[in-house]
PDB file of N, CA and C in Angstrom:
ATOM      1  N   MET A   1       0.821  -1.229  -0.020  1.00  0.00           N
ATOM      2  CA  MET A   1      -0.009   0.038  -0.056  1.00  0.00           C
ATOM      3  C   MET A   1       0.902   1.261   0.037  1.00  0.00           C
ATOM      4  N   ALA A   2       0.551   2.169  -0.772  1.00  0.00           N
ATOM      5  CA  ALA A   2       1.266   3.433  -0.889  1.00  0.00           C
ATOM      6  C   ALA A   2       0.997   4.366   0.234  1.00  0.00           C
ATOM      7  N   ASP A   3       1.971   5.168   0.501  1.00  0.00           N
ATOM      8  CA  ASP A   3       1.780   6.172   1.556  1.00  0.00           C
ATOM      9  C   ASP A   3       0.836   7.244   1.090  1.00  0.00           C
ATOM     10  N   PRO A   4      -0.070   7.727   1.953  1.00  0.00           N
ATOM     11  CA  PRO A   4      -0.925   8.792   1.423  1.00  0.00           C
ATOM     12  C   PRO A   4      -0.314  10.101   1.303  1.00  0.00           C
ATOM     13  N   LEU A   5      -0.897  10.900   0.327  1.00  0.00           N
ATOM     14  CA  LEU A   5      -0.359  12.235  -0.007  1.00  0.00           C
ATOM     15  C   LEU A   5      -1.103  13.133   0.817  1.00  0.00           C
ATOM     16  N   LEU A   6      -0.425  14.080   1.545  1.00  0.00           N
ATOM     17  CA  LEU A   6      -1.056  14.933   2.456  1.00  0.00           C
ATOM     18  C   LEU A   6      -0.875  16.268   2.025  1.00  0.00           C
ATOM     19  N   THR A   7       0.102  16.592   1.192  1.00  0.00           N
ATOM     20  CA  THR A   7       0.314  17.993   0.821  1.00  0.00           C
ATOM     21  C   THR A   7       0.586  18.117  -0.707  1.00  0.00           C
ATOM     22  N   THR A   8       0.446  19.291  -1.303  1.00  0.00           N
ATOM     23  CA  THR A   8       0.693  19.392  -2.693  1.00  0.00           C
ATOM     24  C   THR A   8       2.195  19.251  -2.930  1.00  0.00           C
ATOM     25  N   THR A   9       3.012  19.571  -2.048  1.00  0.00           N
ATOM     26  CA  THR A   9       4.477  19.410  -2.220  1.00  0.00           C
ATOM     27  C   THR A   9       4.745  17.925  -2.583  1.00  0.00           C
ATOM     28  N   GLN A  10       4.180  17.019  -1.677  1.00  0.00           N
ATOM     29  CA  GLN A  10       4.337  15.654  -1.908  1.00  0.00           C
ATOM     30  C   GLN A  10       3.767  15.201  -3.292  1.00  0.00           C
ATOM     31  N   LEU A  11       2.696  15.755  -3.678  1.00  0.00           N
ATOM     32  CA  LEU A  11       2.174  15.412  -4.984  1.00  0.00           C
ATOM     33  C   LEU A  11       3.119  15.824  -6.216  1.00  0.00           C
ATOM     34  N   GLY A  12       3.714  16.998  -5.974  1.00  0.00           N
ATOM     35  CA  GLY A  12       4.761  17.447  -7.020  1.00  0.00           C
ATOM     36  C   GLY A  12       5.815  16.514  -7.100  1.00  0.00           C
ATOM     37  N   ARG A  13       6.211  16.036  -5.996  1.00  0.00           N
ATOM     38  CA  ARG A  13       7.512  15.136  -5.948  1.00  0.00           C
ATOM     39  C   ARG A  13       7.125  13.867  -6.500  1.00  0.00           C
ATOM     40  N   LEU A  14       5.927  13.414  -6.307  1.00  0.00           N
ATOM     41  CA  LEU A  14       5.541  12.129  -6.885  1.00  0.00           C
ATOM     42  C   LEU A  14       5.404  12.093  -8.301  1.00  0.00           C
ATOM     43  N   LEU A  15       4.782  13.257  -8.848  1.00  0.00           N
ATOM     44  CA  LEU A  15       4.638  13.452 -10.317  1.00  0.00           C
ATOM     45  C   LEU A  15       6.026  13.523 -10.980  1.00  0.00           C
ATOM     46  N   GLN A  16       6.912  14.227 -10.299  1.00  0.00           N
ATOM     47  CA  GLN A  16       8.303  14.349 -10.853  1.00  0.00           C
ATOM     48  C   GLN A  16       8.936  12.979 -10.951  1.00  0.00           C
ATOM     49  N   SER A  17       8.922  12.323  -9.784  1.00  0.00           N
ATOM     50  CA  SER A  17       9.577  11.112  -9.625  1.00  0.00           C
ATOM     51  C   SER A  17       8.913  10.025 -10.761  1.00  0.00           C
ATOM     52  N   ALA A  18       7.634  10.093 -10.966  1.00  0.00           N
ATOM     53  CA  ALA A  18       7.062   9.122 -11.806  1.00  0.00           C
ATOM     54  C   ALA A  18       7.422   9.435 -13.252  1.00  0.00           C
ATOM     55  N   ARG A  19       7.591  10.645 -13.511  1.00  0.00           N
ATOM     56  CA  ARG A  19       7.942  11.065 -14.876  1.00  0.00           C
ATOM     57  C   ARG A  19       9.312  10.661 -15.188  1.00  0.00           C
ATOM     58  N   ARG A  20      10.318  10.819 -14.120  1.00  0.00           N
ATOM     59  CA  ARG A  20      11.676  10.386 -14.339  1.00  0.00           C
ATOM     60  C   ARG A  20      11.783   8.827 -14.448  1.00  0.00           C
ATOM     61  N   ALA A  21      10.946   8.181 -13.696  1.00  0.00           N
ATOM     62  CA  ALA A  21      10.997   6.702 -13.652  1.00  0.00           C
ATOM     63  C   ALA A  21      10.494   6.147 -15.117  1.00  0.00           C
ATOM     64  N   GLN A  22       9.652   6.943 -15.753  1.00  0.00           N
ATOM     65  CA  GLN A  22       9.256   6.497 -16.976  1.00  0.00           C
ATOM     66  C   GLN A  22      10.243   6.989 -18.139  1.00  0.00           C
ATOM     67  N   GLY A  23      11.260   7.586 -17.702  1.00  0.00           N
ATOM     68  CA  GLY A  23      12.219   8.216 -18.672  1.00  0.00           C
ATOM     69  C   GLY A  23      11.764   9.236 -19.576  1.00  0.00           C
ATOM     70  N   LEU A  24      10.845  10.044 -19.008  1.00  0.00           N
ATOM     71  CA  LEU A  24      10.158  11.160 -19.826  1.00  0.00           C
ATOM     72  C   LEU A  24      10.757  12.481 -19.411  1.00  0.00           C
ATOM     73  N   THR A  25      10.883  13.343 -20.242  1.00  0.00           N
ATOM     74  CA  THR A  25      11.300  14.693 -20.042  1.00  0.00           C
ATOM     75  C   THR A  25       9.938  15.486 -19.796  1.00  0.00           C
ATOM     76  N   GLN A  26      10.108  16.590 -19.195  1.00  0.00           N
ATOM     77  CA  GLN A  26       8.872  17.524 -19.049  1.00  0.00           C
ATOM     78  C   GLN A  26       8.241  17.912 -20.433  1.00  0.00           C
ATOM     79  N   ALA A  27       9.109  18.101 -21.358  1.00  0.00           N
ATOM     80  CA  ALA A  27       8.605  18.459 -22.767  1.00  0.00           C
ATOM     81  C   ALA A  27       7.954  17.314 -23.295  1.00  0.00           C
ATOM     82  N   ALA A  28       8.340  16.051 -23.173  1.00  0.00           N
ATOM     83  CA  ALA A  28       7.699  14.829 -23.680  1.00  0.00           C
ATOM     84  C   ALA A  28       6.179  14.638 -23.081  1.00  0.00           C
ATOM     85  N   VAL A  29       6.294  14.805 -21.758  1.00  0.00           N
ATOM     86  CA  VAL A  29       5.040  14.780 -20.954  1.00  0.00           C
ATOM     87  C   VAL A  29       3.946  15.922 -21.492  1.00  0.00           C
ATOM     88  N   GLY A  30       4.547  17.014 -21.629  1.00  0.00           N
ATOM     89  CA  GLY A  30       3.760  18.243 -22.110  1.00  0.00           C
ATOM     90  C   GLY A  30       3.179  17.922 -23.513  1.00  0.00           C
ATOM     91  N   ALA A  31       4.025  17.311 -24.323  1.00  0.00           N
ATOM     92  CA  ALA A  31       3.573  17.093 -25.759  1.00  0.00           C
ATOM     93  C   ALA A  31       2.305  16.107 -25.791  1.00  0.00           C
ATOM     94  N   ARG A  32       2.352  15.049 -24.842  1.00  0.00           N
ATOM     95  CA  ARG A  32       1.306  14.152 -24.764  1.00  0.00           C
ATOM     96  C   ARG A  32       0.056  14.732 -24.243  1.00  0.00           C
ATOM     97  N   LEU A  33       0.168  15.705 -23.450  1.00  0.00           N
ATOM     98  CA  LEU A  33      -1.001  16.366 -22.856  1.00  0.00           C
ATOM     99  C   LEU A  33      -1.410  17.693 -23.575  1.00  0.00           C
ATOM    100  N   GLY A  34      -0.600  18.078 -24.489  1.00  0.00           N
ATOM    101  CA  GLY A  34      -0.946  19.375 -25.235  1.00  0.00           C
ATOM    102  C   GLY A  34      -0.554  20.543 -24.348  1.00  0.00           C
ATOM    103  N   LEU A  35       0.388  20.515 -23.418  1.00  0.00           N
ATOM    104  CA  LEU A  35       0.903  21.539 -22.587  1.00  0.00           C
ATOM    105  C   LEU A  35       2.351  21.804 -22.826  1.00  0.00           C
ATOM    106  N   SER A  36       2.775  22.899 -22.484  1.00  0.00           N
ATOM    107  CA  SER A  36       4.262  23.303 -22.712  1.00  0.00           C
ATOM    108  C   SER A  36       5.122  22.595 -21.660  1.00  0.00           C
ATOM    109  N   GLN A  37       6.355  22.622 -21.852  1.00  0.00           N
ATOM    110  CA  GLN A  37       7.369  22.167 -20.850  1.00  0.00           C
ATOM    111  C   GLN A  37       7.265  22.985 -19.671  1.00  0.00           C
ATOM    112  N   LYS A  38       7.113  24.362 -19.854  1.00  0.00           N
ATOM    113  CA  LYS A  38       7.102  25.337 -18.857  1.00  0.00           C
ATOM    114  C   LYS A  38       5.849  24.986 -17.827  1.00  0.00           C
ATOM    115  N   ARG A  39       4.736  24.576 -18.520  1.00  0.00           N
ATOM    116  CA  ARG A  39       3.563  24.334 -17.579  1.00  0.00           C
ATOM    117  C   ARG A  39       3.828  23.043 -16.778  1.00  0.00           C
ATOM    118  N   ILE A  40       4.458  22.065 -17.443  1.00  0.00           N
ATOM    119  CA  ILE A  40       4.710  20.728 -16.705  1.00  0.00           C
ATOM    120  C   ILE A  40       5.629  21.115 -15.485  1.00  0.00           C
ATOM    121  N   SER A  41       6.651  21.863 -15.735  1.00  0.00           N
ATOM    122  CA  SER A  41       7.519  22.328 -14.754  1.00  0.00           C
ATOM    123  C   SER A  41       6.735  22.999 -13.502  1.00  0.00           C
ATOM    124  N   ALA A  42       5.861  23.845 -13.919  1.00  0.00           N
ATOM    125  CA  ALA A  42       4.989  24.669 -13.031  1.00  0.00           C
ATOM    126  C   ALA A  42       4.137  23.708 -12.191  1.00  0.00           C
ATOM    127  N   ILE A  43       3.543  22.581 -12.820  1.00  0.00           N
ATOM    128  CA  ILE A  43       2.731  21.643 -12.186  1.00  0.00           C
ATOM    129  C   ILE A  43       3.651  20.876 -11.132  1.00  0.00           C
ATOM    130  N   GLU A  44       4.836  20.485 -11.500  1.00  0.00           N
ATOM    131  CA  GLU A  44       5.647  19.658 -10.617  1.00  0.00           C
ATOM    132  C   GLU A  44       6.088  20.582  -9.316  1.00  0.00           C
ATOM    133  N   LEU A  45       6.223  21.864  -9.622  1.00  0.00           N
ATOM    134  CA  LEU A  45       6.710  22.734  -8.445  1.00  0.00           C
ATOM    135  C   LEU A  45       5.340  23.143  -7.705  1.00  0.00           C
ATOM    136  N   ASP A  46       4.258  23.334  -8.216  1.00  0.00           N
ATOM    137  CA  ASP A  46       3.073  23.740  -7.610  1.00  0.00           C
ATOM    138  C   ASP A  46       1.838  23.100  -8.047  1.00  0.00           C
ATOM    139  N   PRO A  47       1.680  21.814  -7.756  1.00  0.00           N
ATOM    140  CA  PRO A  47       0.485  21.028  -8.308  1.00  0.00           C
ATOM    141  C   PRO A  47      -0.826  21.537  -7.665  1.00  0.00           C
ATOM    142  N   GLY A  48      -0.842  22.505  -6.884  1.00  0.00           N
ATOM    143  CA  GLY A  48      -2.115  23.064  -6.425  1.00  0.00           C
ATOM    144  C   GLY A  48      -2.827  23.701  -7.472  1.00  0.00           C
ATOM    145  N   THR A  49      -2.288  24.074  -8.436  1.00  0.00           N
ATOM    146  CA  THR A  49      -2.783  24.742  -9.739  1.00  0.00           C
ATOM    147  C   THR A  49      -3.582  23.744 -10.672  1.00  0.00           C
ATOM    148  N   LEU A  50      -3.435  22.521 -10.405  1.00  0.00           N
ATOM    149  CA  LEU A  50      -4.039  21.501 -11.260  1.00  0.00           C
ATOM    150  C   LEU A  50      -5.595  21.440 -11.113  1.00  0.00           C
ATOM    151  N   THR A  51      -6.227  21.200 -12.284  1.00  0.00           N
ATOM    152  CA  THR A  51      -7.680  20.874 -12.133  1.00  0.00           C
ATOM    153  C   THR A  51      -7.700  19.230 -11.951  1.00  0.00           C
ATOM    154  N   ALA A  52      -8.876  18.817 -11.546  1.00  0.00           N
ATOM    155  CA  ALA A  52      -9.040  17.356 -11.410  1.00  0.00           C
ATOM    156  C   ALA A  52      -8.879  16.586 -12.797  1.00  0.00           C
ATOM    157  N   ALA A  53      -9.239  17.189 -13.898  1.00  0.00           N
ATOM    158  CA  ALA A  53      -9.120  16.662 -15.170  1.00  0.00           C
ATOM    159  C   ALA A  53      -7.667  16.537 -15.599  1.00  0.00           C
ATOM    160  N   GLN A  54      -6.937  17.608 -15.317  1.00  0.00           N
ATOM    161  CA  GLN A  54      -5.533  17.689 -15.637  1.00  0.00           C
ATOM    162  C   GLN A  54      -4.796  16.586 -14.826  1.00  0.00           C
ATOM    163  N   LEU A  55      -5.077  16.463 -13.508  1.00  0.00           N
ATOM    164  CA  LEU A  55      -4.483  15.362 -12.662  1.00  0.00           C
ATOM    165  C   LEU A  55      -4.748  14.049 -13.182  1.00  0.00           C
ATOM    166  N   LEU A  56      -5.997  13.797 -13.617  1.00  0.00           N
ATOM    167  CA  LEU A  56      -6.273  12.403 -14.110  1.00  0.00           C
ATOM    168  C   LEU A  56      -5.522  12.181 -15.383  1.00  0.00           C
ATOM    169  N   LYS A  57      -5.499  13.089 -16.302  1.00  0.00           N
ATOM    170  CA  LYS A  57      -4.717  12.963 -17.503  1.00  0.00           C
ATOM    171  C   LYS A  57      -3.180  12.779 -17.354  1.00  0.00           C
ATOM    172  N   LEU A  58      -2.599  13.500 -16.410  1.00  0.00           N
ATOM    173  CA  LEU A  58      -1.284  13.406 -15.947  1.00  0.00           C
ATOM    174  C   LEU A  58      -0.989  11.922 -15.421  1.00  0.00           C
ATOM    175  N   CYS A  59      -1.882  11.504 -14.501  1.00  0.00           N
ATOM    176  CA  CYS A  59      -1.689  10.256 -13.916  1.00  0.00           C
ATOM    177  C   CYS A  59      -1.687   9.152 -15.099  1.00  0.00           C
ATOM    178  N   ALA A  60      -2.612   9.365 -16.044  1.00  0.00           N
ATOM    179  CA  ALA A  60      -2.679   8.244 -17.099  1.00  0.00           C
ATOM    180  C   ALA A  60      -1.330   8.218 -17.916  1.00  0.00           C
ATOM    181  N   VAL A  61      -0.827   9.428 -18.221  1.00  0.00           N
ATOM    182  CA  VAL A  61       0.440   9.549 -19.007  1.00  0.00           C
ATOM    183  C   VAL A  61       1.688   8.974 -18.189  1.00  0.00           C
ATOM    184  N   LEU A  62       1.643   9.170 -16.858  1.00  0.00           N
ATOM    185  CA  LEU A  62       2.855   8.682 -16.003  1.00  0.00           C
ATOM    186  C   LEU A  62       2.624   7.296 -15.450  1.00  0.00           C
ATOM    187  N   GLY A  63       1.497   6.638 -15.796  1.00  0.00           N
ATOM    188  CA  GLY A  63       1.192   5.304 -15.285  1.00  0.00           C
ATOM    189  C   GLY A  63       0.959   5.238 -13.876  1.00  0.00           C
ATOM    190  N   LEU A  64       0.210   6.333 -13.318  1.00  0.00           N
ATOM    191  CA  LEU A  64      -0.081   6.270 -11.970  1.00  0.00           C
ATOM    192  C   LEU A  64      -1.564   6.116 -11.786  1.00  0.00           C
ATOM    193  N   GLU A  65      -1.960   5.597 -10.636  1.00  0.00           N
ATOM    194  CA  GLU A  65      -3.362   5.280 -10.363  1.00  0.00           C
ATOM    195  C   GLU A  65      -3.741   6.195  -9.242  1.00  0.00           C
ATOM    196  N   LEU A  66      -4.922   6.836  -9.370  1.00  0.00           N
ATOM    197  CA  LEU A  66      -5.425   7.805  -8.320  1.00  0.00           C
ATOM    198  C   LEU A  66      -6.500   6.980  -7.616  1.00  0.00           C
ATOM    199  N   THR A  67      -6.290   6.858  -6.331  1.00  0.00           N
ATOM    200  CA  THR A  67      -7.412   6.076  -5.522  1.00  0.00           C
ATOM    201  C   THR A  67      -7.772   7.136  -4.401  1.00  0.00           C
ATOM    202  N   LEU A  68      -9.040   7.128  -4.219  1.00  0.00           N
ATOM    203  CA  LEU A  68      -9.494   7.905  -3.042  1.00  0.00           C
ATOM    204  C   LEU A  68     -10.236   6.955  -2.120  1.00  0.00           C
ATOM    205  N   GLY A  69     -10.097   7.257  -0.838  1.00  0.00           N
ATOM    206  CA  GLY A  69     -10.750   6.300   0.150  1.00  0.00           C
ATOM    207  C   GLY A  69     -10.714   7.100   1.532  1.00  0.00           C
ATOM    208  N   TRP A  70     -11.389   6.488   2.422  1.00  0.00           N
ATOM    209  CA  TRP A  70     -11.581   6.855   3.706  1.00  0.00           C
ATOM    210  C   TRP A  70     -10.220   6.704   4.521  1.00  0.00           C
ATOM    211  N   ARG A  71      -9.722   7.615   5.295  1.00  0.00           N
ATOM    212  CA  ARG A  71      -8.585   7.232   6.139  1.00  0.00           C
ATOM    213  C   ARG A  71      -8.883   6.278   7.220  1.00  0.00           C
ATOM    214  N   GLN A  72     -10.150   6.336   7.668  1.00  0.00           N
ATOM    215  CA  GLN A  72     -10.816   5.348   8.603  1.00  0.00           C
ATOM    216  C   GLN A  72     -12.228   5.222   8.254  1.00  0.00           C
ATOM    217  N   ALA A  73     -12.861   4.166   8.694  1.00  0.00           N
ATOM    218  CA  ALA A  73     -14.287   4.057   8.425  1.00  0.00           C
ATOM    219  C   ALA A  73     -15.023   5.161   8.910  1.00  0.00           C
ATOM    220  N   PRO A  74     -15.826   5.782   8.085  1.00  0.00           N
ATOM    221  CA  PRO A  74     -16.588   6.994   8.421  1.00  0.00           C
ATOM    222  C   PRO A  74     -17.713   6.660   9.436  1.00  0.00           C
ATOM    223  N   SER A  75     -17.881   7.596  10.332  1.00  0.00           N
ATOM    224  CA  SER A  75     -19.215   7.340  11.218  1.00  0.00           C
ATOM    225  C   SER A  75     -20.480   7.744  10.472  1.00  0.00           C
ATOM    226  N   PRO A  76     -21.531   7.133  10.818  1.00  0.00           N
ATOM    227  CA  PRO A  76     -22.809   7.422   9.992  1.00  0.00           C
ATOM    228  C   PRO A  76     -22.992   8.898   9.980  1.00  0.00           C
ATOM    229  N   ALA A  77     -22.686   9.710  10.873  1.00  0.00           N
ATOM    230  CA  ALA A  77     -22.850  11.124  10.823  1.00  0.00           C
ATOM    231  C   ALA A  77     -21.982  11.882   9.736  1.00  0.00           C
ATOM    232  N   LYS A  78     -20.810  11.318   9.497  1.00  0.00           N
ATOM    233  CA  LYS A  78     -19.873  11.889   8.589  1.00  0.00           C
ATOM    234  C   LYS A  78     -20.255  11.447   7.174  1.00  0.00           C
ATOM    235  N   ALA A  79     -20.872  10.345   6.998  1.00  0.00           N
ATOM    236  CA  ALA A  79     -21.221   9.684   5.696  1.00  0.00           C
ATOM    237  C   ALA A  79     -22.330  10.641   5.055  1.00  0.00           C
ATOM    238  N   GLU A  80     -23.114  11.192   5.891  1.00  0.00           N
ATOM    239  CA  GLU A  80     -24.209  11.961   5.214  1.00  0.00           C
ATOM    240  C   GLU A  80     -23.896  13.404   4.922  1.00  0.00           C
ATOM    241  N   TRP A  81     -24.328  13.866   3.820  1.00  0.00           N
ATOM    242  CA  TRP A  81     -24.073  15.293   3.296  1.00  0.00           C
ATOM    243  C   TRP A  81     -25.163  16.015   3.538  1.00  0.00           C
TER     244      TRP A  81
END
């Protein structure tokens, strides 16, 4: 099981690490996503600017899986919106 990401800094490091593990440059990732190398650099430095759609596309290009789940089982009061 992977460690949970708790900060945008951790997310940026993970994205950069995954890109490098795939042997991809920022320019190559940008080309696959229709973004500039400069934008990929900005995303890795400050992923808080990502939209959910961009994050999902980036995960697909980098071979990452995005999983959301409860940190612990929710109480019935928390499960209701």
